[in-house]
Amino acid sequence: QVQLAESGGGLVQAGGSLRLSCAASGQSFRRLAMGWFRQGQGKEREFVAAASTFEWSGVSTLYADSVKGRFTISRVNVENTVYLQMNSLKPEDTAVYYCAAYLGSGVDNSALKYDYWGRGTQVTVSS
């Protein structure tokens, strides 16, 4: 079983930055592919970013078009943590952000692929 705990959410003005953290426990972090999703009020959950396990070519990443160039996902295996650096935030980025994981390789933008989920952290961007 894998436990995921997000932190770092909060209230920020448009144009500002936040860094979300997700600490994983209960399974070898090196074996987990990680992702971030978000769900705005009244909206469906949507993919934000994903990072693969370390492979011979390094870590592969994938981003939603809406965040590409503004958000960066990274993982630090010795800390069992994945981060989401969010810059140039917009009011439409307001949502609950969820960390997710699955055992395996590659990157995936489908929520169906992920077996483990955190409880989420609220990000609110004011205009």
Protein backbone atom coordinates (compact mmCIF):
# COMPACT_ATOMS: atom_id res chain seq x y z
CA GLN A 1 0.00 0.00 0.00
CA VAL A 2 1.15 3.52 -0.80
CA GLN A 3 0.33 6.62 1.21
CA LEU A 4 0.58 10.04 -0.38
CA ALA A 5 0.43 13.36 1.44
CA GLU A 6 0.30 16.70 -0.34
CA SER A 7 1.32 20.03 1.10
CA GLY A 8 2.13 23.53 -0.05
CA GLY A 9 -1.23 24.78 -1.25
CA GLY A 10 -2.57 28.19 -0.37
CA LEU A 11 -3.78 31.55 -1.60
CA VAL A 12 -1.66 33.48 -4.09
CA GLN A 13 -2.18 36.42 -6.41
CA ALA A 14 -2.24 35.99 -10.15
CA GLY A 15 1.30 35.91 -11.49
CA GLY A 16 2.65 34.43 -8.29
CA SER A 17 4.22 31.06 -7.55
CA LEU A 18 3.64 28.08 -5.30
CA ARG A 19 5.45 24.80 -4.84
CA LEU A 20 3.45 21.72 -3.97
CA SER A 21 5.03 18.70 -2.33
CA CYS A 22 3.88 15.12 -2.19
CA ALA A 23 5.53 12.75 0.27
CA ALA A 24 5.16 9.05 -0.45
CA SER A 25 5.47 6.15 1.97
CA GLY A 26 4.71 2.46 2.11
CA GLN A 27 6.44 1.40 -1.07
CA SER A 28 9.77 1.95 -2.73
CA PHE A 29 9.48 5.44 -4.15
CA ARG A 30 11.86 4.52 -6.94
CA ARG A 31 9.28 2.11 -8.32
CA LEU A 32 6.45 4.66 -8.43
CA ALA A 33 5.47 6.72 -11.42
CA MET A 34 4.03 9.98 -10.12
CA GLY A 35 1.44 12.44 -11.30
CA TRP A 36 -0.43 15.58 -10.37
CA PHE A 37 -4.09 16.15 -11.12
CA ARG A 38 -6.46 18.94 -10.20
CA GLN A 39 -10.15 19.47 -9.83
CA GLY A 40 -11.78 22.87 -9.89
CA GLN A 41 -15.16 23.49 -8.31
CA GLY A 42 -17.86 22.01 -10.51
CA LYS A 43 -15.30 20.59 -12.92
CA GLU A 44 -13.97 17.16 -13.66
CA ARG A 45 -10.57 16.06 -12.43
CA GLU A 46 -7.91 16.85 -15.00
CA PHE A 47 -4.31 15.89 -15.59
CA VAL A 48 -1.60 18.42 -14.78
CA ALA A 49 1.82 16.74 -14.92
CA ALA A 50 3.53 13.37 -14.57
CA ALA A 51 7.04 12.05 -13.98
CA SER A 52 8.32 8.56 -14.65
CA THR A 53 10.61 6.47 -12.49
CA PHE A 54 14.31 6.93 -13.07
CA GLU A 55 15.23 5.07 -16.25
CA TRP A 56 18.45 4.74 -18.14
CA SER A 57 17.59 7.93 -20.04
CA GLY A 58 16.61 9.85 -16.94
CA VAL A 59 13.14 10.89 -15.78
CA SER A 60 10.48 11.44 -18.42
CA THR A 61 7.91 14.15 -17.83
CA LEU A 62 4.57 15.05 -19.35
CA TYR A 63 2.47 18.19 -19.00
CA ALA A 64 -1.00 19.34 -19.82
CA ASP A 65 -0.98 22.01 -22.50
CA SER A 66 -2.59 24.47 -20.10
CA VAL A 67 0.40 24.39 -17.74
CA LYS A 68 3.28 23.74 -20.11
CA GLY A 69 6.03 26.30 -19.65
CA ARG A 70 4.64 27.43 -16.28
CA PHE A 71 4.67 24.29 -14.13
CA THR A 72 7.57 21.91 -13.47
CA ILE A 73 7.34 18.47 -11.95
CA SER A 74 10.38 16.98 -10.26
CA ARG A 75 11.14 14.08 -7.98
CA VAL A 76 13.79 13.58 -5.33
CA ASN A 77 14.12 9.89 -4.59
CA VAL A 78 16.20 10.29 -1.44
CA GLU A 79 13.36 12.41 -0.03
CA ASN A 80 10.55 10.14 -1.32
CA THR A 81 8.97 13.33 -2.59
CA VAL A 82 7.63 14.72 -5.83
CA TYR A 83 7.26 18.45 -6.33
CA LEU A 84 5.15 20.65 -8.55
CA GLN A 85 6.61 24.11 -9.04
CA MET A 86 3.88 26.42 -10.28
CA ASN A 87 4.84 29.80 -11.72
CA SER A 88 2.85 32.54 -13.44
CA LEU A 89 -0.30 31.31 -11.77
CA LYS A 90 -3.66 32.26 -13.20
CA PRO A 91 -7.11 32.35 -11.60
CA GLU A 92 -8.07 29.37 -13.75
CA ASP A 93 -5.41 27.33 -11.94
CA THR A 94 -7.59 27.46 -8.83
CA ALA A 95 -8.39 23.89 -7.84
CA VAL A 96 -7.72 21.10 -5.40
CA TYR A 97 -4.46 19.51 -6.49
CA TYR A 98 -4.01 15.77 -6.04
CA CYS A 99 -0.87 13.70 -6.06
CA ALA A 100 -1.18 10.24 -7.57
CA ALA A 101 1.04 7.22 -8.16
CA TYR A 102 1.23 3.79 -9.73
CA LEU A 103 3.80 1.05 -9.70
CA GLY A 104 5.47 0.85 -13.06
CA SER A 105 7.37 2.67 -15.77
CA GLY A 106 6.52 5.43 -18.20
CA VAL A 107 4.34 8.51 -17.86
CA ASP A 108 0.59 8.62 -18.18
CA ASN A 109 -2.02 11.38 -18.25
CA SER A 110 -5.00 9.14 -17.52
CA ALA A 111 -6.34 9.13 -13.99
CA LEU A 112 -7.42 5.54 -14.55
CA LYS A 113 -3.78 4.47 -14.61
CA TYR A 114 -3.11 5.68 -11.08
CA ASP A 115 -3.83 3.37 -8.16
CA TYR A 116 -2.89 5.61 -5.26
CA TRP A 117 -4.13 9.09 -4.45
CA GLY A 118 -3.53 11.73 -1.84
CA ARG A 119 -6.28 13.75 -0.21
CA GLY A 120 -5.46 16.92 -2.09
CA THR A 121 -4.35 20.44 -1.30
CA GLN A 122 -6.25 23.60 -2.19
CA VAL A 123 -4.68 26.18 -4.47
CA THR A 124 -6.51 29.47 -4.88
CA VAL A 125 -5.29 32.14 -7.28
CA SER A 126 -6.86 35.56 -6.90
CA SER A 127 -7.14 38.02 -9.75
